Amino acid sequence: MAAKLYMYIIVNGEIAKTWPKGALIAQCCHAVACTFHLYGSDSEYSEYFNDLDNMHKVVLEAPDATKLLGLGEALQQGDIKHKVWIEQPENIPTCIAVKPYRKEVVQKYVKKFKLLS
C-alpha cells in the first residue's frame, strides 16, 4: 500500500487569534481551491481524490505573517507546490495551502509549526 498523501494548511497565528472562525476558514478554503486550480492535473491530486472519505489534511499555525511568508519562500526554493493566500484589499498574508504530497516530502518545512488550536 502506498504512503498516504497529506495537504498541509498553515495559518497566520496573529489572525487566528483575532479573526472570526468563519473568516479564517474561508481564507483556508481560498488557498486550498487555488492549489487545485493551479496543480489539479498533477498525479497526486487524482490519487488524493481516489478515496474522498479518507483525505488527510493537517492545519498548522505559523506565529505571524513574517514566519508564514518565510515558509512560503522555503517552499518555493524547495519546489514544493503551494499557494500563499494574501487577503485583499488589506494585503494580509492569511495562510498557505500545500498541494497533496507524501508526508516526508513536506515535513521538513513544517515541523517547527504546531497544530492550530
PDB file of N, CA and C in Angstrom:
ATOM      1  N   MET A   1       0.849  -1.190   0.000  1.00  0.00           N
ATOM      2  CA  MET A   1       0.000   0.000   0.000  1.00  0.00           C
ATOM      3  C   MET A   1       0.890   1.246   0.000  1.00  0.00           C
ATOM      4  N   ALA A   2       0.576   2.192  -0.860  1.00  0.00           N
ATOM      5  CA  ALA A   2       1.362   3.414  -0.985  1.00  0.00           C
ATOM      6  C   ALA A   2       1.165   4.304   0.250  1.00  0.00           C
ATOM      7  N   ALA A   3       2.163   5.111   0.522  1.00  0.00           N
ATOM      8  CA  ALA A   3       2.064   6.061   1.636  1.00  0.00           C
ATOM      9  C   ALA A   3       0.938   7.049   1.350  1.00  0.00           C
ATOM     10  N   LYS A   4       0.277   7.490   2.400  1.00  0.00           N
ATOM     11  CA  LYS A   4      -0.836   8.419   2.258  1.00  0.00           C
ATOM     12  C   LYS A   4      -0.340   9.796   1.836  1.00  0.00           C
ATOM     13  N   LEU A   5      -1.217  10.510   1.168  1.00  0.00           N
ATOM     14  CA  LEU A   5      -0.954  11.898   0.795  1.00  0.00           C
ATOM     15  C   LEU A   5      -1.624  12.812   1.811  1.00  0.00           C
ATOM     16  N   TYR A   6      -0.972  13.929   2.074  1.00  0.00           N
ATOM     17  CA  TYR A   6      -1.479  14.914   3.029  1.00  0.00           C
ATOM     18  C   TYR A   6      -1.463  16.289   2.393  1.00  0.00           C
ATOM     19  N   MET A   7      -2.467  17.077   2.717  1.00  0.00           N
ATOM     20  CA  MET A   7      -2.448  18.504   2.403  1.00  0.00           C
ATOM     21  C   MET A   7      -2.142  19.231   3.703  1.00  0.00           C
ATOM     22  N   TYR A   8      -1.190  20.129   3.647  1.00  0.00           N
ATOM     23  CA  TYR A   8      -0.874  20.966   4.797  1.00  0.00           C
ATOM     24  C   TYR A   8      -1.428  22.351   4.552  1.00  0.00           C
ATOM     25  N   ILE A   9      -2.069  22.894   5.577  1.00  0.00           N
ATOM     26  CA  ILE A   9      -2.573  24.259   5.555  1.00  0.00           C
ATOM     27  C   ILE A   9      -1.958  24.946   6.766  1.00  0.00           C
ATOM     28  N   ILE A  10      -1.272  26.050   6.518  1.00  0.00           N
ATOM     29  CA  ILE A  10      -0.584  26.752   7.597  1.00  0.00           C
ATOM     30  C   ILE A  10      -1.209  28.145   7.703  1.00  0.00           C
ATOM     31  N   VAL A  11      -1.686  28.469   8.879  1.00  0.00           N
ATOM     32  CA  VAL A  11      -2.447  29.695   9.127  1.00  0.00           C
ATOM     33  C   VAL A  11      -1.574  30.721   9.850  1.00  0.00           C
ATOM     34  N   ASN A  12      -1.764  31.978   9.508  1.00  0.00           N
ATOM     35  CA  ASN A  12      -1.121  33.090  10.213  1.00  0.00           C
ATOM     36  C   ASN A  12      -1.718  33.161  11.620  1.00  0.00           C
ATOM     37  N   GLY A  13      -0.926  32.847  12.623  1.00  0.00           N
ATOM     38  CA  GLY A  13      -1.400  32.784  14.001  1.00  0.00           C
ATOM     39  C   GLY A  13      -1.924  34.097  14.550  1.00  0.00           C
ATOM     40  N   GLU A  14      -1.408  35.222  14.043  1.00  0.00           N
ATOM     41  CA  GLU A  14      -1.899  36.523  14.511  1.00  0.00           C
ATOM     42  C   GLU A  14      -3.379  36.695  14.176  1.00  0.00           C
ATOM     43  N   ILE A  15      -3.769  36.313  12.965  1.00  0.00           N
ATOM     44  CA  ILE A  15      -5.180  36.483  12.621  1.00  0.00           C
ATOM     45  C   ILE A  15      -6.027  35.360  13.199  1.00  0.00           C
ATOM     46  N   ALA A  16      -5.413  34.210  13.431  1.00  0.00           N
ATOM     47  CA  ALA A  16      -6.169  33.088  14.011  1.00  0.00           C
ATOM     48  C   ALA A  16      -6.709  33.454  15.387  1.00  0.00           C
ATOM     49  N   LYS A  17      -6.017  34.354  16.072  1.00  0.00           N
ATOM     50  CA  LYS A  17      -6.430  34.767  17.420  1.00  0.00           C
ATOM     51  C   LYS A  17      -7.441  35.905  17.414  1.00  0.00           C
ATOM     52  N   THR A  18      -7.557  36.617  16.277  1.00  0.00           N
ATOM     53  CA  THR A  18      -8.385  37.820  16.274  1.00  0.00           C
ATOM     54  C   THR A  18      -9.534  37.793  15.282  1.00  0.00           C
ATOM     55  N   TRP A  19      -9.424  37.036  14.208  1.00  0.00           N
ATOM     56  CA  TRP A  19     -10.478  37.000  13.199  1.00  0.00           C
ATOM     57  C   TRP A  19     -11.562  36.011  13.595  1.00  0.00           C
ATOM     58  N   PRO A  20     -12.800  36.236  13.145  1.00  0.00           N
ATOM     59  CA  PRO A  20     -13.852  35.237  13.371  1.00  0.00           C
ATOM     60  C   PRO A  20     -13.467  33.911  12.702  1.00  0.00           C
ATOM     61  N   LYS A  21     -13.881  32.816  13.317  1.00  0.00           N
ATOM     62  CA  LYS A  21     -13.529  31.491  12.779  1.00  0.00           C
ATOM     63  C   LYS A  21     -13.972  31.315  11.335  1.00  0.00           C
ATOM     64  N   GLY A  22     -15.161  31.783  11.020  1.00  0.00           N
ATOM     65  CA  GLY A  22     -15.669  31.639   9.653  1.00  0.00           C
ATOM     66  C   GLY A  22     -14.788  32.338   8.638  1.00  0.00           C
ATOM     67  N   ALA A  23     -14.304  33.527   8.986  1.00  0.00           N
ATOM     68  CA  ALA A  23     -13.425  34.269   8.075  1.00  0.00           C
ATOM     69  C   ALA A  23     -12.105  33.522   7.894  1.00  0.00           C
ATOM     70  N   LEU A  24     -11.595  32.963   8.965  1.00  0.00           N
ATOM     71  CA  LEU A  24     -10.349  32.205   8.907  1.00  0.00           C
ATOM     72  C   LEU A  24     -10.510  30.947   8.048  1.00  0.00           C
ATOM     73  N   ILE A  25     -11.618  30.249   8.232  1.00  0.00           N
ATOM     74  CA  ILE A  25     -11.886  29.048   7.435  1.00  0.00           C
ATOM     75  C   ILE A  25     -12.025  29.419   5.960  1.00  0.00           C
ATOM     76  N   ALA A  26     -12.663  30.538   5.671  1.00  0.00           N
ATOM     77  CA  ALA A  26     -12.802  30.985   4.280  1.00  0.00           C
ATOM     78  C   ALA A  26     -11.431  31.221   3.646  1.00  0.00           C
ATOM     79  N   GLN A  27     -10.503  31.788   4.413  1.00  0.00           N
ATOM     80  CA  GLN A  27      -9.152  32.021   3.890  1.00  0.00           C
ATOM     81  C   GLN A  27      -8.490  30.696   3.502  1.00  0.00           C
ATOM     82  N   CYS A  28      -8.633  29.708   4.364  1.00  0.00           N
ATOM     83  CA  CYS A  28      -8.059  28.385   4.087  1.00  0.00           C
ATOM     84  C   CYS A  28      -8.704  27.765   2.854  1.00  0.00           C
ATOM     85  N   CYS A  29     -10.011  27.923   2.729  1.00  0.00           N
ATOM     86  CA  CYS A  29     -10.717  27.388   1.557  1.00  0.00           C
ATOM     87  C   CYS A  29     -10.222  28.060   0.277  1.00  0.00           C
ATOM     88  N   HIS A  30      -9.997  29.370   0.326  1.00  0.00           N
ATOM     89  CA  HIS A  30      -9.469  30.078  -0.850  1.00  0.00           C
ATOM     90  C   HIS A  30      -8.139  29.468  -1.281  1.00  0.00           C
ATOM     91  N   ALA A  31      -7.236  29.282  -0.323  1.00  0.00           N
ATOM     92  CA  ALA A  31      -5.903  28.775  -0.642  1.00  0.00           C
ATOM     93  C   ALA A  31      -5.954  27.347  -1.169  1.00  0.00           C
ATOM     94  N   VAL A  32      -6.772  26.491  -0.545  1.00  0.00           N
ATOM     95  CA  VAL A  32      -6.899  25.101  -0.998  1.00  0.00           C
ATOM     96  C   VAL A  32      -7.480  25.060  -2.408  1.00  0.00           C
ATOM     97  N   ALA A  33      -8.516  25.860  -2.666  1.00  0.00           N
ATOM     98  CA  ALA A  33      -9.116  25.897  -4.003  1.00  0.00           C
ATOM     99  C   ALA A  33      -8.089  26.337  -5.044  1.00  0.00           C
ATOM    100  N   CYS A  34      -7.253  27.284  -4.684  1.00  0.00           N
ATOM    101  CA  CYS A  34      -6.218  27.748  -5.611  1.00  0.00           C
ATOM    102  C   CYS A  34      -5.222  26.648  -5.940  1.00  0.00           C
ATOM    103  N   THR A  35      -4.842  25.849  -4.943  1.00  0.00           N
ATOM    104  CA  THR A  35      -3.871  24.789  -5.237  1.00  0.00           C
ATOM    105  C   THR A  35      -4.482  23.793  -6.228  1.00  0.00           C
ATOM    106  N   PHE A  36      -5.760  23.511  -6.091  1.00  0.00           N
ATOM    107  CA  PHE A  36      -6.385  22.594  -7.043  1.00  0.00           C
ATOM    108  C   PHE A  36      -6.435  23.214  -8.434  1.00  0.00           C
ATOM    109  N   HIS A  37      -6.766  24.488  -8.503  1.00  0.00           N
ATOM    110  CA  HIS A  37      -6.811  25.176  -9.800  1.00  0.00           C
ATOM    111  C   HIS A  37      -5.426  25.184 -10.452  1.00  0.00           C
ATOM    112  N   LEU A  38      -4.402  25.464  -9.661  1.00  0.00           N
ATOM    113  CA  LEU A  38      -3.040  25.578 -10.197  1.00  0.00           C
ATOM    114  C   LEU A  38      -2.395  24.229 -10.511  1.00  0.00           C
ATOM    115  N   TYR A  39      -2.662  23.233  -9.671  1.00  0.00           N
ATOM    116  CA  TYR A  39      -1.916  21.971  -9.752  1.00  0.00           C
ATOM    117  C   TYR A  39      -2.815  20.739  -9.875  1.00  0.00           C
ATOM    118  N   GLY A  40      -4.086  20.934 -10.139  1.00  0.00           N
ATOM    119  CA  GLY A  40      -5.037  19.837 -10.153  1.00  0.00           C
ATOM    120  C   GLY A  40      -4.739  18.737 -11.154  1.00  0.00           C
ATOM    121  N   SER A  41      -3.945  19.028 -12.171  1.00  0.00           N
ATOM    122  CA  SER A  41      -3.604  17.996 -13.151  1.00  0.00           C
ATOM    123  C   SER A  41      -2.436  17.122 -12.687  1.00  0.00           C
ATOM    124  N   ASP A  42      -1.799  17.470 -11.569  1.00  0.00           N
ATOM    125  CA  ASP A  42      -0.707  16.659 -11.026  1.00  0.00           C
ATOM    126  C   ASP A  42      -1.251  15.308 -10.554  1.00  0.00           C
ATOM    127  N   SER A  43      -0.479  14.272 -10.721  1.00  0.00           N
ATOM    128  CA  SER A  43      -0.933  12.921 -10.387  1.00  0.00           C
ATOM    129  C   SER A  43      -1.318  12.773  -8.915  1.00  0.00           C
ATOM    130  N   GLU A  44      -0.680  13.537  -8.036  1.00  0.00           N
ATOM    131  CA  GLU A  44      -1.008  13.438  -6.616  1.00  0.00           C
ATOM    132  C   GLU A  44      -2.465  13.820  -6.342  1.00  0.00           C
ATOM    133  N   TYR A  45      -2.996  14.768  -7.114  1.00  0.00           N
ATOM    134  CA  TYR A  45      -4.391  15.150  -6.883  1.00  0.00           C
ATOM    135  C   TYR A  45      -5.336  14.014  -7.244  1.00  0.00           C
ATOM    136  N   SER A  46      -5.120  13.349  -8.362  1.00  0.00           N
ATOM    137  CA  SER A  46      -6.028  12.251  -8.705  1.00  0.00           C
ATOM    138  C   SER A  46      -5.919  11.134  -7.682  1.00  0.00           C
ATOM    139  N   GLU A  47      -4.725  10.878  -7.191  1.00  0.00           N
ATOM    140  CA  GLU A  47      -4.556   9.867  -6.136  1.00  0.00           C
ATOM    141  C   GLU A  47      -5.236  10.316  -4.840  1.00  0.00           C
ATOM    142  N   TYR A  48      -5.077  11.586  -4.498  1.00  0.00           N
ATOM    143  CA  TYR A  48      -5.656  12.146  -3.270  1.00  0.00           C
ATOM    144  C   TYR A  48      -7.181  12.027  -3.290  1.00  0.00           C
ATOM    145  N   PHE A  49      -7.773  12.272  -4.460  1.00  0.00           N
ATOM    146  CA  PHE A  49      -9.233  12.228  -4.585  1.00  0.00           C
ATOM    147  C   PHE A  49      -9.770  10.816  -4.828  1.00  0.00           C
ATOM    148  N   ASN A  50      -8.913   9.847  -4.933  1.00  0.00           N
ATOM    149  CA  ASN A  50      -9.331   8.471  -5.154  1.00  0.00           C
ATOM    150  C   ASN A  50     -10.199   7.935  -4.023  1.00  0.00           C
ATOM    151  N   ASP A  51      -9.958   8.395  -2.811  1.00  0.00           N
ATOM    152  CA  ASP A  51     -10.700   7.918  -1.650  1.00  0.00           C
ATOM    153  C   ASP A  51     -11.214   9.141  -0.887  1.00  0.00           C
ATOM    154  N   LEU A  52     -12.276   9.735  -1.394  1.00  0.00           N
ATOM    155  CA  LEU A  52     -12.773  11.009  -0.864  1.00  0.00           C
ATOM    156  C   LEU A  52     -13.103  10.972   0.625  1.00  0.00           C
ATOM    157  N   ASP A  53     -13.496   9.825   1.126  1.00  0.00           N
ATOM    158  CA  ASP A  53     -13.882   9.753   2.535  1.00  0.00           C
ATOM    159  C   ASP A  53     -12.685   9.625   3.471  1.00  0.00           C
ATOM    160  N   ASN A  54     -11.487   9.549   2.927  1.00  0.00           N
ATOM    161  CA  ASN A  54     -10.297   9.379   3.761  1.00  0.00           C
ATOM    162  C   ASN A  54      -9.167  10.329   3.398  1.00  0.00           C
ATOM    163  N   MET A  55      -9.525  11.544   2.978  1.00  0.00           N
ATOM    164  CA  MET A  55      -8.492  12.541   2.678  1.00  0.00           C
ATOM    165  C   MET A  55      -7.866  13.011   3.997  1.00  0.00           C
ATOM    166  N   HIS A  56      -6.594  13.387   3.927  1.00  0.00           N
ATOM    167  CA  HIS A  56      -5.879  13.836   5.127  1.00  0.00           C
ATOM    168  C   HIS A  56      -5.420  15.279   4.944  1.00  0.00           C
ATOM    169  N   LYS A  57      -5.777  16.107   5.909  1.00  0.00           N
ATOM    170  CA  LYS A  57      -5.310  17.487   5.944  1.00  0.00           C
ATOM    171  C   LYS A  57      -4.766  17.756   7.334  1.00  0.00           C
ATOM    172  N   VAL A  58      -3.698  18.550   7.387  1.00  0.00           N
ATOM    173  CA  VAL A  58      -3.096  18.944   8.650  1.00  0.00           C
ATOM    174  C   VAL A  58      -3.090  20.465   8.666  1.00  0.00           C
ATOM    175  N   VAL A  59      -3.689  21.059   9.700  1.00  0.00           N
ATOM    176  CA  VAL A  59      -3.766  22.515   9.800  1.00  0.00           C
ATOM    177  C   VAL A  59      -2.830  22.963  10.921  1.00  0.00           C
ATOM    178  N   LEU A  60      -1.845  23.750  10.523  1.00  0.00           N
ATOM    179  CA  LEU A  60      -0.804  24.214  11.439  1.00  0.00           C
ATOM    180  C   LEU A  60      -0.892  25.719  11.601  1.00  0.00           C
ATOM    181  N   GLU A  61      -0.160  26.229  12.588  1.00  0.00           N
ATOM    182  CA  GLU A  61      -0.162  27.668  12.871  1.00  0.00           C
ATOM    183  C   GLU A  61       1.254  28.217  12.815  1.00  0.00           C
ATOM    184  N   ALA A  62       1.448  29.223  11.957  1.00  0.00           N
ATOM    185  CA  ALA A  62       2.690  29.999  11.961  1.00  0.00           C
ATOM    186  C   ALA A  62       2.471  31.139  12.950  1.00  0.00           C
ATOM    187  N   PRO A  63       3.482  31.491  13.735  1.00  0.00           N
ATOM    188  CA  PRO A  63       3.273  32.522  14.763  1.00  0.00           C
ATOM    189  C   PRO A  63       2.802  33.876  14.223  1.00  0.00           C
ATOM    190  N   ASP A  64       3.252  34.244  13.028  1.00  0.00           N
ATOM    191  CA  ASP A  64       2.920  35.559  12.494  1.00  0.00           C
ATOM    192  C   ASP A  64       3.121  35.571  10.976  1.00  0.00           C
ATOM    193  N   ALA A  65       2.809  36.709  10.367  1.00  0.00           N
ATOM    194  CA  ALA A  65       2.899  36.836   8.907  1.00  0.00           C
ATOM    195  C   ALA A  65       4.332  36.666   8.412  1.00  0.00           C
ATOM    196  N   THR A  66       5.290  37.145   9.152  1.00  0.00           N
ATOM    197  CA  THR A  66       6.690  37.032   8.737  1.00  0.00           C
ATOM    198  C   THR A  66       7.108  35.574   8.632  1.00  0.00           C
ATOM    199  N   LYS A  67       6.754  34.776   9.638  1.00  0.00           N
ATOM    200  CA  LYS A  67       7.086  33.338   9.613  1.00  0.00           C
ATOM    201  C   LYS A  67       6.325  32.625   8.500  1.00  0.00           C
ATOM    202  N   LEU A  68       5.075  33.031   8.271  1.00  0.00           N
ATOM    203  CA  LEU A  68       4.277  32.438   7.210  1.00  0.00           C
ATOM    204  C   LEU A  68       4.920  32.709   5.848  1.00  0.00           C
ATOM    205  N   LEU A  69       5.308  33.957   5.612  1.00  0.00           N
ATOM    206  CA  LEU A  69       5.940  34.303   4.337  1.00  0.00           C
ATOM    207  C   LEU A  69       7.305  33.636   4.194  1.00  0.00           C
ATOM    208  N   GLY A  70       8.031  33.485   5.304  1.00  0.00           N
ATOM    209  CA  GLY A  70       9.305  32.766   5.274  1.00  0.00           C
ATOM    210  C   GLY A  70       9.107  31.322   4.854  1.00  0.00           C
ATOM    211  N   LEU A  71       8.043  30.707   5.346  1.00  0.00           N
ATOM    212  CA  LEU A  71       7.715  29.348   4.944  1.00  0.00           C
ATOM    213  C   LEU A  71       7.408  29.304   3.454  1.00  0.00           C
ATOM    214  N   GLY A  72       6.654  30.279   2.975  1.00  0.00           N
ATOM    215  CA  GLY A  72       6.341  30.341   1.549  1.00  0.00           C
ATOM    216  C   GLY A  72       7.600  30.403   0.694  1.00  0.00           C
ATOM    217  N   GLU A  73       8.571  31.182   1.136  1.00  0.00           N
ATOM    218  CA  GLU A  73       9.843  31.275   0.410  1.00  0.00           C
ATOM    219  C   GLU A  73      10.592  29.951   0.440  1.00  0.00           C
ATOM    220  N   ALA A  74      10.618  29.298   1.594  1.00  0.00           N
ATOM    221  CA  ALA A  74      11.297  27.999   1.710  1.00  0.00           C
ATOM    222  C   ALA A  74      10.629  26.955   0.817  1.00  0.00           C
ATOM    223  N   LEU A  75       9.311  26.945   0.782  1.00  0.00           N
ATOM    224  CA  LEU A  75       8.589  26.009  -0.077  1.00  0.00           C
ATOM    225  C   LEU A  75       8.910  26.282  -1.545  1.00  0.00           C
ATOM    226  N   GLN A  76       8.951  27.556  -1.891  1.00  0.00           N
ATOM    227  CA  GLN A  76       9.272  27.945  -3.270  1.00  0.00           C
ATOM    228  C   GLN A  76      10.668  27.450  -3.644  1.00  0.00           C
ATOM    229  N   GLN A  77      11.632  27.678  -2.766  1.00  0.00           N
ATOM    230  CA  GLN A  77      13.009  27.246  -3.030  1.00  0.00           C
ATOM    231  C   GLN A  77      13.112  25.725  -3.119  1.00  0.00           C
ATOM    232  N   GLY A  78      12.273  25.017  -2.372  1.00  0.00           N
ATOM    233  CA  GLY A  78      12.277  23.564  -2.388  1.00  0.00           C
ATOM    234  C   GLY A  78      11.416  22.960  -3.485  1.00  0.00           C
ATOM    235  N   ASP A  79      10.837  23.825  -4.335  1.00  0.00           N
ATOM    236  CA  ASP A  79       9.974  23.389  -5.431  1.00  0.00           C
ATOM    237  C   ASP A  79       8.774  22.588  -4.926  1.00  0.00           C
ATOM    238  N   ILE A  80       8.241  23.004  -3.772  1.00  0.00           N
ATOM    239  CA  ILE A  80       7.033  22.413  -3.203  1.00  0.00           C
ATOM    240  C   ILE A  80       5.857  23.283  -3.652  1.00  0.00           C
ATOM    241  N   LYS A  81       4.932  22.687  -4.367  1.00  0.00           N
ATOM    242  CA  LYS A  81       3.819  23.445  -4.939  1.00  0.00           C
ATOM    243  C   LYS A  81       2.827  23.831  -3.849  1.00  0.00           C
ATOM    244  N   HIS A  82       2.505  25.119  -3.822  1.00  0.00           N
ATOM    245  CA  HIS A  82       1.666  25.666  -2.761  1.00  0.00           C
ATOM    246  C   HIS A  82       1.047  26.980  -3.234  1.00  0.00           C
ATOM    247  N   LYS A  83       0.200  27.545  -2.385  1.00  0.00           N
ATOM    248  CA  LYS A  83      -0.364  28.868  -2.625  1.00  0.00           C
ATOM    249  C   LYS A  83      -0.352  29.647  -1.322  1.00  0.00           C
ATOM    250  N   VAL A  84       0.279  30.810  -1.353  1.00  0.00           N
ATOM    251  CA  VAL A  84       0.204  31.745  -0.227  1.00  0.00           C
ATOM    252  C   VAL A  84      -1.014  32.623  -0.504  1.00  0.00           C
ATOM    253  N   TRP A  85      -1.992  32.596   0.412  1.00  0.00           N
ATOM    254  CA  TRP A  85      -3.180  33.427   0.209  1.00  0.00           C
ATOM    255  C   TRP A  85      -2.964  34.760   0.900  1.00  0.00           C
ATOM    256  N   ILE A  86      -3.071  35.823   0.113  1.00  0.00           N
ATOM    257  CA  ILE A  86      -2.940  37.195   0.618  1.00  0.00           C
ATOM    258  C   ILE A  86      -4.311  37.848   0.475  1.00  0.00           C
ATOM    259  N   GLU A  87      -4.939  38.130   1.590  1.00  0.00           N
ATOM    260  CA  GLU A  87      -6.279  38.729   1.568  1.00  0.00           C
ATOM    261  C   GLU A  87      -6.191  40.169   1.069  1.00  0.00           C
ATOM    262  N   GLN A  88      -7.059  40.467   0.108  1.00  0.00           N
ATOM    263  CA  GLN A  88      -7.116  41.801  -0.481  1.00  0.00           C
ATOM    264  C   GLN A  88      -8.455  42.438  -0.143  1.00  0.00           C
ATOM    265  N   PRO A  89      -8.550  43.736  -0.008  1.00  0.00           N
ATOM    266  CA  PRO A  89      -7.514  44.723  -0.329  1.00  0.00           C
ATOM    267  C   PRO A  89      -6.549  45.007   0.826  1.00  0.00           C
ATOM    268  N   GLU A  90      -6.694  44.281   1.925  1.00  0.00           N
ATOM    269  CA  GLU A  90      -5.872  44.571   3.106  1.00  0.00           C
ATOM    270  C   GLU A  90      -4.412  44.167   2.927  1.00  0.00           C
ATOM    271  N   ASN A  91      -4.131  43.262   1.957  1.00  0.00           N
ATOM    272  CA  ASN A  91      -2.775  42.781   1.703  1.00  0.00           C
ATOM    273  C   ASN A  91      -2.191  42.038   2.906  1.00  0.00           C
ATOM    274  N   ILE A  92      -3.034  41.204   3.530  1.00  0.00           N
ATOM    275  CA  ILE A  92      -2.631  40.449   4.722  1.00  0.00           C
ATOM    276  C   ILE A  92      -2.384  38.987   4.338  1.00  0.00           C
ATOM    277  N   PRO A  93      -1.163  38.474   4.568  1.00  0.00           N
ATOM    278  CA  PRO A  93      -0.928  37.043   4.339  1.00  0.00           C
ATOM    279  C   PRO A  93      -1.688  36.239   5.398  1.00  0.00           C
ATOM    280  N   THR A  94      -2.646  35.426   4.951  1.00  0.00           N
ATOM    281  CA  THR A  94      -3.502  34.726   5.910  1.00  0.00           C
ATOM    282  C   THR A  94      -3.153  33.256   6.074  1.00  0.00           C
ATOM    283  N   CYS A  95      -2.756  32.597   4.982  1.00  0.00           N
ATOM    284  CA  CYS A  95      -2.474  31.166   5.088  1.00  0.00           C
ATOM    285  C   CYS A  95      -1.729  30.672   3.860  1.00  0.00           C
ATOM    286  N   ILE A  96      -1.237  29.462   3.976  1.00  0.00           N
ATOM    287  CA  ILE A  96      -0.609  28.748   2.867  1.00  0.00           C
ATOM    288  C   ILE A  96      -1.283  27.382   2.778  1.00  0.00           C
ATOM    289  N   ALA A  97      -1.607  26.975   1.570  1.00  0.00           N
ATOM    290  CA  ALA A  97      -2.062  25.606   1.336  1.00  0.00           C
ATOM    291  C   ALA A  97      -1.018  24.932   0.448  1.00  0.00           C
ATOM    292  N   VAL A  98      -0.639  23.730   0.829  1.00  0.00           N
ATOM    293  CA  VAL A  98       0.326  22.935   0.073  1.00  0.00           C
ATOM    294  C   VAL A  98      -0.456  21.830  -0.620  1.00  0.00           C
ATOM    295  N   LYS A  99      -0.219  21.652  -1.914  1.00  0.00           N
ATOM    296  CA  LYS A  99      -0.929  20.580  -2.632  1.00  0.00           C
ATOM    297  C   LYS A  99      -0.594  19.232  -1.996  1.00  0.00           C
ATOM    298  N   PRO A 100      -1.353  18.192  -2.262  1.00  0.00           N
ATOM    299  CA  PRO A 100      -1.081  16.897  -1.636  1.00  0.00           C
ATOM    300  C   PRO A 100       0.312  16.349  -1.969  1.00  0.00           C
ATOM    301  N   TYR A 101       0.994  15.925  -0.913  1.00  0.00           N
ATOM    302  CA  TYR A 101       2.306  15.283  -1.015  1.00  0.00           C
ATOM    303  C   TYR A 101       2.381  14.181   0.027  1.00  0.00           C
ATOM    304  N   ARG A 102       3.321  13.309  -0.125  1.00  0.00           N
ATOM    305  CA  ARG A 102       3.661  12.358   0.923  1.00  0.00           C
ATOM    306  C   ARG A 102       4.220  13.166   2.093  1.00  0.00           C
ATOM    307  N   LYS A 103       3.913  12.740   3.285  1.00  0.00           N
ATOM    308  CA  LYS A 103       4.285  13.469   4.496  1.00  0.00           C
ATOM    309  C   LYS A 103       5.786  13.803   4.537  1.00  0.00           C
ATOM    310  N   GLU A 104       6.618  12.833   4.174  1.00  0.00           N
ATOM    311  CA  GLU A 104       8.067  13.035   4.280  1.00  0.00           C
ATOM    312  C   GLU A 104       8.602  14.113   3.330  1.00  0.00           C
ATOM    313  N   VAL A 105       7.865  14.434   2.280  1.00  0.00           N
ATOM    314  CA  VAL A 105       8.298  15.469   1.340  1.00  0.00           C
ATOM    315  C   VAL A 105       8.163  16.856   1.962  1.00  0.00           C
ATOM    316  N   VAL A 106       7.094  17.070   2.725  1.00  0.00           N
ATOM    317  CA  VAL A 106       6.773  18.402   3.245  1.00  0.00           C
ATOM    318  C   VAL A 106       7.200  18.589   4.696  1.00  0.00           C
ATOM    319  N   GLN A 107       7.322  17.508   5.427  1.00  0.00           N
ATOM    320  CA  GLN A 107       7.512  17.607   6.876  1.00  0.00           C
ATOM    321  C   GLN A 107       8.710  18.465   7.294  1.00  0.00           C
ATOM    322  N   LYS A 108       9.807  18.403   6.551  1.00  0.00           N
ATOM    323  CA  LYS A 108      10.982  19.183   6.946  1.00  0.00           C
ATOM    324  C   LYS A 108      10.723  20.690   6.902  1.00  0.00           C
ATOM    325  N   TYR A 109       9.753  21.111   6.104  1.00  0.00           N
ATOM    326  CA  TYR A 109       9.429  22.533   6.014  1.00  0.00           C
ATOM    327  C   TYR A 109       8.480  22.989   7.120  1.00  0.00           C
ATOM    328  N   VAL A 110       7.646  22.076   7.599  1.00  0.00           N
ATOM    329  CA  VAL A 110       6.577  22.468   8.516  1.00  0.00           C
ATOM    330  C   VAL A 110       6.741  21.937   9.939  1.00  0.00           C
ATOM    331  N   LYS A 111       7.791  21.177  10.200  1.00  0.00           N
ATOM    332  CA  LYS A 111       7.896  20.517  11.502  1.00  0.00           C
ATOM    333  C   LYS A 111       8.007  21.468  12.687  1.00  0.00           C
ATOM    334  N   LYS A 112       8.413  22.715  12.447  1.00  0.00           N
ATOM    335  CA  LYS A 112       8.532  23.668  13.554  1.00  0.00           C
ATOM    336  C   LYS A 112       7.195  24.316  13.928  1.00  0.00           C
ATOM    337  N   PHE A 113       6.165  24.081  13.130  1.00  0.00           N
ATOM    338  CA  PHE A 113       4.859  24.679  13.413  1.00  0.00           C
ATOM    339  C   PHE A 113       3.969  23.702  14.169  1.00  0.00           C
ATOM    340  N   LYS A 114       3.189  24.254  15.082  1.00  0.00           N
ATOM    341  CA  LYS A 114       2.266  23.431  15.898  1.00  0.00           C
ATOM    342  C   LYS A 114       0.903  23.353  15.236  1.00  0.00           C
ATOM    343  N   LEU A 115       0.134  22.355  15.638  1.00  0.00           N
ATOM    344  CA  LEU A 115      -1.246  22.264  15.168  1.00  0.00           C
ATOM    345  C   LEU A 115      -2.015  23.508  15.582  1.00  0.00           C
ATOM    346  N   LEU A 116      -2.862  23.990  14.696  1.00  0.00           N
ATOM    347  CA  LEU A 116      -3.718  25.128  15.019  1.00  0.00           C
ATOM    348  C   LEU A 116      -4.691  24.704  16.103  1.00  0.00           C
ATOM    349  N   SER A 117      -4.805  25.519  17.151  1.00  0.00           N
ATOM    350  CA  SER A 117      -5.737  25.160  18.228  1.00  0.00           C
ATOM    351  C   SER A 117      -6.815  26.225  18.377  1.00  0.00           C
TER     352      SER A 117
END
